[in-house]
Protein backbone atom coordinates (compact mmCIF):
# COMPACT_ATOMS: atom_id res chain seq x y z
CA MET A 1 -8.62 -19.73 15.97
CA GLU A 2 -7.97 -18.35 12.52
CA ARG A 3 -10.45 -15.75 11.32
CA THR A 4 -12.80 -16.74 8.52
CA ASP A 5 -14.68 -13.43 8.36
CA SER A 6 -11.97 -10.97 7.34
CA VAL A 7 -13.48 -10.43 3.88
CA TYR A 8 -16.30 -8.50 5.55
CA ASP A 9 -13.83 -5.99 6.96
CA THR A 10 -14.19 -4.39 3.53
CA ASP A 11 -17.18 -6.01 1.80
CA TRP A 12 -19.61 -5.00 4.58
CA GLU A 13 -20.50 -1.79 2.76
CA PHE A 14 -21.66 -3.65 -0.36
CA TYR A 15 -23.48 -6.45 1.42
CA ASP A 16 -27.00 -5.07 1.89
CA ASP A 17 -27.21 -3.48 -1.53
CA PHE A 18 -26.07 -6.61 -3.32
CA TYR A 19 -28.23 -9.06 -1.37
CA ALA A 20 -31.38 -6.98 -0.99
CA ASP A 21 -33.40 -9.43 -3.08
CA VAL A 22 -32.65 -12.59 -1.08
CA ASP A 23 -36.11 -13.95 -0.30
CA ASP A 24 -35.53 -16.00 2.87
CA VAL A 25 -36.87 -13.63 5.53
CA ASP A 26 -40.49 -14.78 5.35
CA PHE A 27 -39.32 -18.38 5.72
CA TYR A 28 -37.54 -17.61 8.97
CA LYS A 29 -40.43 -15.53 10.28
CA ALA A 30 -42.82 -18.41 9.63
CA LEU A 31 -40.44 -20.89 11.27
CA ALA A 32 -40.06 -18.63 14.30
CA GLY A 33 -43.84 -18.40 14.50
CA ARG A 34 -44.06 -22.19 14.73
CA ALA A 35 -41.08 -22.71 17.03
CA GLY A 36 -41.67 -19.69 19.23
CA GLY A 37 -39.07 -17.36 20.63
CA PRO A 38 -36.51 -16.43 21.61
CA VAL A 39 -34.50 -16.78 18.38
CA LEU A 40 -30.73 -16.97 18.02
CA GLU A 41 -29.11 -16.00 14.73
CA VAL A 42 -25.48 -17.06 14.46
CA MET A 43 -23.35 -15.11 11.95
CA CYS A 44 -26.12 -12.52 11.81
CA GLY A 45 -24.02 -10.05 9.79
CA THR A 46 -25.77 -6.77 9.05
CA GLY A 47 -29.06 -7.90 10.59
CA ARG A 48 -30.66 -8.66 7.24
CA VAL A 49 -32.73 -11.42 8.87
CA LEU A 50 -32.51 -10.33 12.51
CA VAL A 51 -34.15 -6.92 12.14
CA PRO A 52 -37.27 -8.22 10.31
CA LEU A 53 -37.63 -10.93 12.97
CA ALA A 54 -37.60 -8.29 15.69
CA ARG A 55 -40.11 -6.21 13.73
CA ALA A 56 -42.35 -9.28 13.55
CA GLY A 57 -42.48 -9.45 17.34
CA PHE A 58 -39.81 -12.04 18.15
CA GLU A 59 -37.11 -11.66 20.75
CA VAL A 60 -33.92 -12.27 18.80
CA VAL A 61 -30.25 -12.35 19.69
CA GLY A 62 -27.64 -12.07 16.96
CA ILE A 63 -23.95 -12.90 17.18
CA ASP A 64 -21.22 -12.27 14.65
CA SER A 65 -17.45 -12.15 14.80
CA ASN A 66 -17.09 -9.21 12.41
CA GLU A 67 -17.39 -5.81 14.05
CA LYS A 68 -17.99 -3.95 10.78
CA MET A 69 -21.05 -6.08 10.02
CA LEU A 70 -22.33 -5.63 13.56
CA GLU A 71 -21.94 -1.86 13.26
CA VAL A 72 -24.30 -1.90 10.28
CA ALA A 73 -26.79 -4.03 12.23
CA ARG A 74 -26.63 -1.64 15.19
CA ARG A 75 -27.31 1.35 12.92
CA LYS A 76 -30.33 -0.43 11.45
CA LEU A 77 -31.71 -1.17 14.89
CA SER A 78 -31.13 2.40 16.05
CA ARG A 79 -33.60 3.56 13.39
CA GLU A 80 -36.30 1.14 14.56
CA PRO A 81 -39.08 1.97 17.08
CA PRO A 82 -38.13 1.43 20.75
CA ALA A 83 -40.23 -1.75 20.99
CA VAL A 84 -38.29 -3.34 18.13
CA GLN A 85 -34.95 -2.27 19.60
CA LYS A 86 -35.94 -3.80 22.93
CA ARG A 87 -36.61 -7.19 21.31
CA ALA A 88 -33.22 -7.39 19.57
CA SER A 89 -29.71 -7.64 20.93
CA LEU A 90 -26.32 -8.06 19.28
CA ALA A 91 -23.03 -9.45 20.52
CA ARG A 92 -19.62 -9.98 19.03
CA ALA A 93 -18.84 -13.68 19.28
CA ASP A 94 -17.34 -16.47 17.20
CA ALA A 95 -19.74 -19.16 15.99
CA ARG A 96 -17.13 -21.77 16.91
CA ASP A 97 -16.84 -20.71 20.56
CA PHE A 98 -19.66 -18.84 22.28
CA GLU A 99 -21.66 -19.13 25.48
CA LEU A 100 -24.73 -16.97 26.04
CA GLY A 101 -25.96 -18.68 29.20
CA ARG A 102 -29.48 -19.30 27.93
CA LYS A 103 -31.46 -21.43 25.50
CA PHE A 104 -33.43 -20.48 22.39
CA ARG A 105 -36.45 -22.06 20.75
CA LEU A 106 -34.94 -21.50 17.30
CA ALA A 107 -31.38 -21.06 16.08
CA VAL A 108 -30.63 -19.90 12.54
CA LEU A 109 -27.58 -20.18 10.30
CA ALA A 110 -28.89 -18.33 7.27
CA PHE A 111 -27.70 -17.79 3.71
CA SER A 112 -24.75 -20.20 3.52
CA SER A 113 -23.16 -18.94 6.74
CA VAL A 114 -22.36 -22.57 7.52
CA ASN A 115 -19.97 -22.61 4.55
CA HIS A 116 -17.69 -20.18 6.40
CA LEU A 117 -16.83 -23.04 8.79
CA LEU A 118 -13.78 -24.18 6.86
CA SER A 119 -12.57 -27.27 8.71
CA PRO A 120 -14.24 -30.29 10.31
CA GLY A 121 -13.06 -28.94 13.66
CA ASP A 122 -14.69 -25.57 12.99
CA GLN A 123 -17.92 -27.32 12.01
CA ASP A 124 -17.97 -29.58 15.05
CA ARG A 125 -17.28 -26.75 17.49
CA ALA A 126 -20.01 -24.56 16.00
CA MET A 127 -22.59 -27.36 16.03
CA ALA A 128 -21.74 -28.18 19.65
CA CYS A 129 -22.27 -24.53 20.61
CA LEU A 130 -25.60 -24.42 18.78
CA LYS A 131 -26.82 -27.66 20.34
CA ARG A 132 -25.90 -26.40 23.81
CA HIS A 133 -28.12 -23.34 23.25
CA LEU A 134 -31.23 -25.31 22.25
CA PRO A 135 -33.71 -27.20 24.42
CA GLU A 136 -34.50 -30.78 23.45
CA ASP A 137 -37.49 -29.66 21.38
CA GLY A 138 -35.81 -26.58 19.93
CA LEU A 139 -35.05 -26.19 16.23
CA LEU A 140 -32.00 -25.35 14.15
CA ALA A 141 -32.36 -24.02 10.58
CA VAL A 142 -29.30 -24.21 8.32
CA ALA A 143 -29.11 -23.03 4.70
CA SER A 144 -26.35 -23.71 2.18
CA PHE A 145 -25.74 -23.35 -1.52
CA ILE A 146 -25.54 -26.63 -3.43
CA PRO A 147 -22.18 -27.01 -5.21
CA HIS A 148 -22.28 -28.10 -8.84
CA PRO A 149 -18.98 -29.02 -10.54
CA GLY A 150 -19.78 -27.01 -13.66
CA LYS A 151 -20.14 -23.81 -11.62
CA LEU A 152 -17.10 -24.16 -9.36
CA HIS A 153 -14.53 -22.99 -11.89
CA SER A 154 -15.82 -19.82 -13.47
CA GLU A 155 -15.12 -16.17 -14.14
CA LYS A 156 -18.16 -14.02 -14.76
CA LEU A 157 -20.13 -10.85 -14.22
CA ASP A 158 -22.45 -11.67 -11.32
CA ARG A 159 -24.86 -8.79 -11.31
CA GLU A 160 -25.34 -5.05 -11.52
CA VAL A 161 -27.25 -3.28 -8.74
CA GLU A 162 -28.43 0.32 -8.78
CA LEU A 163 -27.55 2.12 -5.55
CA ALA A 164 -29.73 4.68 -3.80
CA ASN A 165 -27.63 7.56 -5.18
CA GLY A 166 -27.98 6.31 -8.76
CA ASP A 167 -24.52 4.75 -8.98
CA LEU A 168 -24.21 1.26 -10.38
CA LEU A 169 -22.60 -1.47 -8.25
CA ILE A 170 -21.08 -4.21 -10.42
CA ARG A 171 -19.59 -7.44 -9.13
CA TYR A 172 -17.35 -9.87 -11.03
CA SER A 173 -16.44 -13.22 -9.49
CA THR A 174 -13.74 -15.81 -10.09
CA LEU A 175 -14.27 -19.24 -8.55
CA THR A 176 -11.69 -22.00 -8.21
CA VAL A 177 -11.43 -25.10 -6.03
CA ASP A 178 -8.20 -25.74 -4.15
CA ALA A 179 -6.99 -29.19 -5.18
CA VAL A 180 -5.44 -29.85 -1.75
CA THR A 181 -8.00 -28.48 0.73
CA GLY A 182 -11.12 -28.85 -1.42
CA LEU A 183 -12.16 -25.33 -0.40
CA LEU A 184 -13.87 -23.00 -2.85
CA ARG A 185 -11.73 -19.90 -3.38
CA VAL A 186 -13.81 -16.86 -4.23
CA ARG A 187 -12.37 -13.67 -5.69
CA TYR A 188 -14.60 -10.63 -6.15
CA ARG A 189 -14.03 -7.41 -8.03
CA TRP A 190 -16.45 -4.66 -7.11
CA ASP A 191 -16.82 -1.67 -9.43
CA VAL A 192 -18.86 1.43 -8.72
CA GLU A 193 -19.91 3.16 -11.93
CA ARG A 194 -21.19 6.74 -12.12
CA ARG A 195 -22.50 8.16 -15.40
CA GLY A 196 -20.58 5.56 -17.38
CA ALA A 197 -17.24 5.95 -15.57
CA ILE A 198 -15.73 3.67 -12.92
CA VAL A 199 -15.25 5.84 -9.83
CA ARG A 200 -14.22 3.09 -7.46
CA GLU A 201 -12.79 -0.42 -7.66
CA HIS A 202 -12.29 -2.92 -4.85
CA GLN A 203 -11.14 -6.55 -4.75
CA SER A 204 -11.64 -9.19 -2.07
CA GLU A 205 -10.90 -12.88 -1.61
CA PHE A 206 -12.07 -15.60 0.77
CA GLU A 207 -12.75 -19.34 1.01
CA LEU A 208 -15.85 -21.45 1.59
CA ARG A 209 -16.33 -25.08 2.54
CA LEU A 210 -18.33 -26.96 -0.08
CA LEU A 211 -21.21 -28.98 1.36
CA LYS A 212 -23.42 -31.26 -0.68
CA PRO A 213 -26.85 -31.88 0.89
CA ASN A 214 -25.81 -35.34 2.11
CA GLN A 215 -22.66 -33.88 3.67
CA LEU A 216 -24.65 -31.20 5.49
CA LYS A 217 -27.07 -33.88 6.68
CA ALA A 218 -24.15 -35.95 7.96
CA LEU A 219 -22.70 -32.92 9.74
CA LEU A 220 -25.97 -32.27 11.57
CA GLU A 221 -26.54 -35.90 12.45
CA GLY A 222 -22.95 -36.30 13.63
CA ALA A 223 -23.54 -33.40 16.01
CA GLY A 224 -26.60 -35.08 17.50
CA PHE A 225 -29.34 -33.43 15.46
CA GLN A 226 -32.13 -35.17 13.58
CA LEU A 227 -33.70 -33.73 10.44
CA VAL A 228 -37.27 -32.52 10.78
CA GLU A 229 -37.71 -30.83 7.40
CA ARG A 230 -35.71 -30.33 4.25
CA TRP A 231 -36.34 -27.84 1.47
CA GLY A 232 -34.92 -26.77 -1.85
CA GLY A 233 -35.77 -23.10 -1.30
CA TYR A 234 -37.63 -20.71 0.94
CA ARG A 235 -41.13 -21.07 -0.49
CA GLY A 236 -41.78 -24.73 0.13
CA GLU A 237 -39.82 -26.06 -2.85
CA PRO A 238 -38.84 -29.72 -2.50
CA LEU A 239 -35.15 -30.44 -2.20
CA ASP A 240 -33.64 -30.92 -5.66
CA PRO A 241 -30.01 -32.10 -5.89
CA LYS A 242 -29.80 -30.15 -9.16
CA GLY A 243 -31.09 -26.96 -7.51
CA ASP A 244 -29.17 -24.12 -5.94
CA VAL A 245 -30.23 -24.14 -2.28
CA VAL A 246 -30.71 -26.64 0.53
CA VAL A 247 -32.42 -25.69 3.79
CA PHE A 248 -32.46 -28.19 6.63
CA VAL A 249 -34.51 -27.84 9.80
CA ALA A 250 -33.24 -30.09 12.58
CA ALA A 251 -33.90 -30.80 16.26
CA PRO A 252 -31.65 -32.11 19.04
CA ARG A 253 -34.04 -35.04 19.15
CA MET A 254 -37.21 -35.89 17.28
CA VAL A 255 -39.78 -33.87 19.19
CA TRP A 256 -42.19 -31.80 17.10
CA LYS A 257 -45.82 -30.87 16.70
CA GLU A 258 -48.24 -33.42 15.28
CA ASN A 259 -48.66 -31.48 12.04
CA ALA A 260 -44.92 -31.24 11.31
CA LYS A 261 -43.65 -32.60 8.00
CA LEU A 262 -41.24 -35.33 8.99
CA LEU A 263 -39.22 -35.51 5.84
CA ALA A 264 -35.99 -36.99 7.12
CA ARG A 265 -34.80 -40.07 5.23
């Protein structure tokens, strides 16, 4: 299968600095507390979610197909206390084709990882793998950005982030939609500025599959999942089609605690 993660062969070193303010970790910790462990994170990357889950006391397994991202996650875990290290494990595996030989109470596809599944075949294979690793009353949490036509063709300065050494990390993005495939083509330019001078410049490019909330819902339901909850953010915000984020929580079949919010339509 064609790789969809090659951008992280280079962008891995900018990832944690640029996304340090993503506020989804508490959401996944709370969900893991309700679902119980163990937890599986697919496309776990640098362990941005995985390590806090292990710190919170959950057994968690992370898989990713990019070795550079996994190296960062391993380094993070190596700095954790032995008890945290014991609760977490990492493996190199493709989300579209993996077999871990066990089941998990919760599986997570965080922070638009699902958008890296570029074709219907990729999506179906990944969902089948996830479903196979969940018991009937297990849960799957999937997050995606919501595409808005006015934002899909743009060229802009995204953000500036101060690094630990005082340098400034600056990212510019150019977004276009391929008229044939419908994929979002993303081009980044990363600049590192030191005392007003650019000391490093790097460019990267990759594609993402656009998924409107109803399309993500259809993908999950087509794979045999049923929605249990739906959110427009990580702090209990209702789903808003005009918002930026959709988070779906689904189960292989509708089995859940009496106090669950059954929000599926």
